[in-house]
Protein backbone atom coordinates (compact mmCIF):
# COMPACT_ATOMS: atom_id res chain seq x y z
CA ASP A 1 -1.81 150.84 94.76
CA THR A 2 1.72 151.93 93.96
CA ASP A 3 2.48 152.40 97.58
CA GLU A 4 1.16 148.95 98.34
CA GLY A 5 3.06 147.41 95.42
CA GLN A 6 6.28 149.00 96.58
CA LYS A 7 5.67 147.70 100.09
CA GLU A 8 5.03 144.19 98.78
CA VAL A 9 8.22 144.31 96.71
CA ALA A 10 10.15 145.55 99.75
CA VAL A 11 8.61 142.78 101.93
CA ARG A 12 9.44 140.09 99.36
CA SER A 13 12.96 141.47 99.05
CA ARG A 14 13.41 141.39 102.81
CA GLU A 15 11.90 137.89 103.05
CA ARG A 16 14.35 136.68 100.39
CA ASN A 17 17.16 138.42 102.24
CA THR A 18 16.02 136.82 105.51
CA ARG A 19 15.88 133.33 103.91
CA GLN A 20 19.40 133.81 102.52
CA LEU A 21 20.68 134.98 105.90
CA LYS A 22 18.97 132.02 107.67
CA ALA A 23 20.48 129.59 105.17
CA ARG A 24 23.90 131.13 105.72
CA LEU A 25 23.39 130.97 109.51
CA ASN A 26 22.41 127.28 109.29
CA GLN A 27 25.46 126.59 107.14
CA MET A 28 27.76 128.34 109.64
CA GLN A 29 26.18 126.54 112.59
CA SER A 30 26.57 123.16 110.91
CA SER A 31 30.27 123.82 110.23
CA LEU A 32 30.77 125.30 113.70
CA LEU A 33 29.96 122.06 115.54
CA PRO A 34 32.79 119.99 113.98
CA MET A 35 35.17 122.90 114.50
CA CYS A 36 34.22 123.09 118.18
CA ASN A 37 34.79 119.35 118.52
CA GLN A 38 38.19 119.64 116.83
CA LEU A 39 39.12 122.57 119.06
CA GLU A 40 38.09 120.65 122.17
CA THR A 41 40.07 117.59 121.05
CA ALA A 42 43.14 119.70 120.27
CA THR A 43 42.87 121.44 123.65
CA MET A 44 42.66 118.10 125.47
CA GLU A 45 45.61 116.72 123.52
CA LEU A 46 47.65 119.83 124.28
CA LYS A 47 46.86 119.53 127.98
CA HIS A 48 47.77 115.85 127.94
CA TYR A 49 50.96 116.61 126.02
CA THR A 50 52.22 119.41 128.22
CA ALA A 51 50.73 118.90 131.68
CA GLY A 52 51.51 116.11 134.08
CA VAL A 53 50.16 115.42 137.53
CA LYS A 54 51.98 117.68 139.99
CA ASP A 55 52.25 117.34 143.75
CA GLN A 56 53.47 120.47 145.53
CA GLY A 57 55.39 121.62 142.47
CA GLU A 58 57.06 118.27 141.91
CA LYS A 59 55.93 115.40 139.79
CA ASP A 60 55.06 112.08 141.35
CA GLN A 61 57.32 109.25 140.37
CA GLY A 62 55.95 107.27 137.48
CA GLU A 63 53.69 110.10 136.36
CA SER A 64 55.00 112.30 133.59
CA THR A 65 53.74 114.19 130.61
CA PHE A 66 53.25 112.60 127.24
CA ARG A 67 56.06 114.78 125.94
CA GLU A 68 58.48 113.57 128.60
CA THR A 69 57.47 109.96 128.03
CA GLN A 70 58.08 110.28 124.31
CA HIS A 71 61.37 112.12 124.91
CA LYS A 72 62.56 109.31 127.19
CA ALA A 73 61.54 106.70 124.63
CA ILE A 74 63.44 108.56 121.90
CA GLN A 75 66.54 108.86 124.10
CA GLN A 76 66.36 105.15 124.92
CA LEU A 77 66.12 104.26 121.22
CA GLU A 78 69.07 106.52 120.43
CA ALA A 79 71.13 104.85 123.17
CA GLU A 80 70.21 101.41 121.87
CA GLY A 81 71.18 102.53 118.36
CA LYS A 82 74.58 103.71 119.58
CA GLU A 83 75.08 100.45 121.47
CA LEU A 84 74.14 98.45 118.37
CA LYS A 85 76.59 100.44 116.23
CA GLN A 86 79.35 99.82 118.79
CA THR A 87 78.52 96.10 118.84
CA GLN A 88 78.63 95.99 115.04
CA LYS A 89 82.00 97.76 115.08
CA ASP A 90 83.33 95.30 117.67
CA VAL A 91 82.09 92.35 115.62
CA ARG A 92 83.76 93.72 112.48
CA THR A 93 87.11 94.27 114.21
CA GLY A 94 86.84 90.97 116.09
CA HIS A 95 86.00 89.17 112.88
CA SER A 96 89.12 90.40 111.11
CA GLU A 97 91.27 89.49 114.12
CA LYS A 98 89.66 86.06 114.37
CA ALA A 99 90.08 85.53 110.64
CA LYS A 100 93.80 86.33 111.02
CA GLN A 101 94.04 83.94 113.96
CA LYS A 102 92.26 81.21 111.97
CA LYS A 103 94.69 81.75 109.08
CA MET A 104 97.64 81.49 111.48
CA TRP A 105 96.26 78.21 112.91
CA GLU A 106 95.79 76.85 109.40
CA ASP A 107 99.36 77.85 108.53
CA LEU A 108 100.61 76.23 111.75
CA HIS A 109 98.69 73.07 110.94
CA THR A 110 100.19 73.01 107.44
CA LEU A 111 103.67 73.55 108.89
CA MET A 112 103.20 70.76 111.45
CA GLU A 113 101.94 68.43 108.72
CA ALA A 114 105.05 69.27 106.66
CA LYS A 115 107.30 68.61 109.68
CA ARG A 116 105.54 65.32 110.40
CA SER A 117 105.92 64.28 106.80
CA ALA A 118 109.60 65.30 106.81
CA PHE A 119 110.17 63.46 110.09
CA LYS A 120 108.45 60.39 108.69
CA THR A 121 110.60 60.41 105.55
CA THR A 122 113.70 61.01 107.67
CA GLU A 123 112.82 58.05 109.87
CA GLU A 124 112.21 55.89 106.82
CA ARG A 125 115.55 57.00 105.33
CA ARG A 126 117.33 56.21 108.62
CA LYS A 127 115.73 52.78 108.70
CA ARG A 128 116.81 52.13 105.12
CA GLU A 129 120.34 53.33 105.87
CA ALA A 130 120.41 51.17 108.99
CA ALA A 131 119.16 48.19 107.00
CA LEU A 132 121.74 48.90 104.29
CA GLU A 133 124.50 49.17 106.87
CA GLN A 134 123.34 45.92 108.38
CA GLN A 135 123.49 44.24 105.00
CA LEU A 136 126.94 45.66 104.38
CA LEU A 137 128.13 44.39 107.73
CA GLU A 138 126.68 40.99 107.01
CA ASN A 139 128.32 41.01 103.57
CA GLU A 140 131.66 42.04 105.07
CA ASP A 141 131.42 39.16 107.49
CA ARG A 142 130.89 36.78 104.61
CA LEU A 143 133.72 38.21 102.59
CA VAL A 144 136.23 37.97 105.37
CA MET A 145 135.54 34.45 106.18
């Protein structure tokens, strides 16, 4: 009986051990599938990123790797950024020059208005002097007679 009891205990212990190992195996297998999918996806992305279509060691025109495409796009954006900065700089310098030119035109306009006003008053003064001289001449003629 003891021998049989020990065997039954050993069998139960091994069955429990086997169930635990099977549960662990199922757990590993269930986590292995998503990992395999992730690995496959990463491998495909890496191939797409680094490998382009090659024809006798040279790439066909228009076909390039994802990396090269992105690099070209980044370089283009950097060039556009530099061009935009240069344009902004030109606008700033041009604006100050144009503001100075506008100020000079306004000053010239003010000066011309002052000259026109002075000329107008000078003309009016000449007309008054001429009229006064005319009156004096007419008065002299009356006095002499």
